[in-house]
Protein backbone atom coordinates (compact mmCIF):
# COMPACT_ATOMS: atom_id res chain seq x y z
CA MET A 1 0.00 0.00 0.00
CA PHE A 2 1.21 3.50 -0.84
CA HIS A 3 -0.25 6.97 -0.36
CA ILE A 4 0.87 10.41 -1.56
CA GLU A 5 -0.55 13.43 0.24
CA GLN A 6 -0.09 16.70 -1.62
CA ARG A 7 -0.06 20.19 -0.12
CA THR A 8 0.98 23.37 -1.86
CA GLY A 9 3.39 25.76 -0.23
CA GLY A 10 2.48 28.78 -2.33
CA ALA A 11 2.43 28.94 -6.10
CA CYS A 12 5.91 27.48 -6.59
CA GLU A 13 6.26 24.73 -4.00
CA LEU A 14 4.60 21.35 -3.55
CA HIS A 15 4.92 19.26 -0.39
CA LEU A 16 4.56 15.51 -0.89
CA ARG A 17 4.04 13.32 2.16
CA LEU A 18 4.82 9.68 1.31
CA GLU A 19 3.37 6.76 3.26
CA GLY A 20 3.81 3.04 2.74
CA ASP A 21 6.06 1.03 0.45
CA LEU A 22 7.72 2.88 -2.43
CA ASP A 23 8.30 0.13 -4.94
CA ARG A 24 8.47 0.05 -8.74
CA GLU A 25 4.68 0.09 -9.11
CA HIS A 26 4.24 3.10 -6.82
CA VAL A 27 7.17 5.02 -8.30
CA ILE A 28 5.01 5.40 -11.41
CA ALA A 29 2.31 7.14 -9.37
CA LEU A 30 4.91 9.43 -7.77
CA GLU A 31 6.45 10.20 -11.17
CA ASN A 32 3.00 11.18 -12.46
CA VAL A 33 2.40 13.54 -9.52
CA VAL A 34 5.77 15.22 -10.04
CA ARG A 35 5.31 15.46 -13.82
CA GLU A 36 1.82 16.97 -13.47
CA ALA A 37 3.09 19.50 -10.92
CA LYS A 38 5.96 20.51 -13.21
CA GLU A 39 3.47 20.91 -16.07
CA ARG A 40 1.51 23.30 -13.82
CA GLY A 41 4.71 25.31 -13.34
CA ILE A 42 5.64 24.15 -9.83
CA PRO A 43 9.45 24.05 -9.74
CA ARG A 44 10.16 23.17 -6.09
CA PHE A 45 9.34 19.98 -4.19
CA VAL A 46 9.62 19.09 -0.53
CA VAL A 47 9.26 15.34 -0.01
CA HIS A 48 8.40 14.19 3.52
CA CYS A 49 9.55 10.59 3.88
CA ALA A 50 8.75 9.75 7.53
CA GLY A 51 5.85 7.50 6.52
CA LEU A 52 7.89 5.27 4.23
CA HIS A 53 8.06 1.67 5.42
CA SER A 54 10.29 0.34 2.67
CA VAL A 55 11.89 1.46 -0.58
CA ASP A 56 13.08 -0.85 -3.35
CA GLU A 57 15.76 -0.04 -5.96
CA ALA A 58 13.28 1.79 -8.20
CA GLY A 59 12.16 3.92 -5.26
CA VAL A 60 15.73 4.73 -4.25
CA SER A 61 16.58 5.68 -7.84
CA PHE A 62 13.60 8.01 -8.13
CA LEU A 63 14.21 9.66 -4.76
CA SER A 64 17.85 10.15 -5.79
CA LEU A 65 16.73 11.71 -9.05
CA LEU A 66 14.36 14.03 -7.19
CA ARG A 67 17.14 15.08 -4.83
CA LEU A 68 19.54 15.69 -7.71
CA SER A 69 16.92 17.88 -9.40
CA GLY A 70 16.72 20.07 -6.30
CA ALA A 71 13.94 18.48 -4.26
CA ILE A 72 14.31 18.58 -0.50
CA LEU A 73 13.90 15.21 1.22
CA THR A 74 12.88 15.50 4.86
CA GLU A 75 12.26 13.06 7.71
CA VAL A 76 14.08 10.30 5.83
CA PRO A 77 14.02 7.00 7.77
CA LEU A 78 17.50 5.68 8.59
CA LEU A 79 17.36 2.66 6.26
CA VAL A 80 16.06 4.77 3.35
CA GLY A 81 18.76 7.37 4.00
CA TRP A 82 21.40 4.66 4.01
CA LYS A 83 20.17 3.32 0.67
CA LEU A 84 20.21 6.84 -0.78
CA ALA A 85 23.75 7.41 0.50
CA MET A 86 24.91 4.11 -1.01
CA LYS A 87 23.28 5.01 -4.33
CA LYS A 88 25.09 8.36 -4.36
CA HIS A 89 28.38 6.70 -3.44
CA LEU A 90 28.07 4.08 -6.19
CA VAL A 91 27.15 6.67 -8.82
CA GLN A 92 30.17 8.83 -7.96
CA GLU A 93 32.68 6.00 -8.42
């Protein structure tokens, strides 16, 4: 199960609160939300990750991509943060 709660932070910022398991299937839903927001002209994203229970490789890749594009990831659970750090480390080598 996966849920994305959206809340605007003014005209140029979107807060996304993620809950559940971010796997390949649910990455598609998150990609759609981000794409639609960008099409509406929202350039800045704040992604609240405290509600994530697990993240697979597709989820880690998409969160890494979001972070590289300037999104702010907050409340990242330790295991998810570790996976993101490892992804960054492997990409830099």
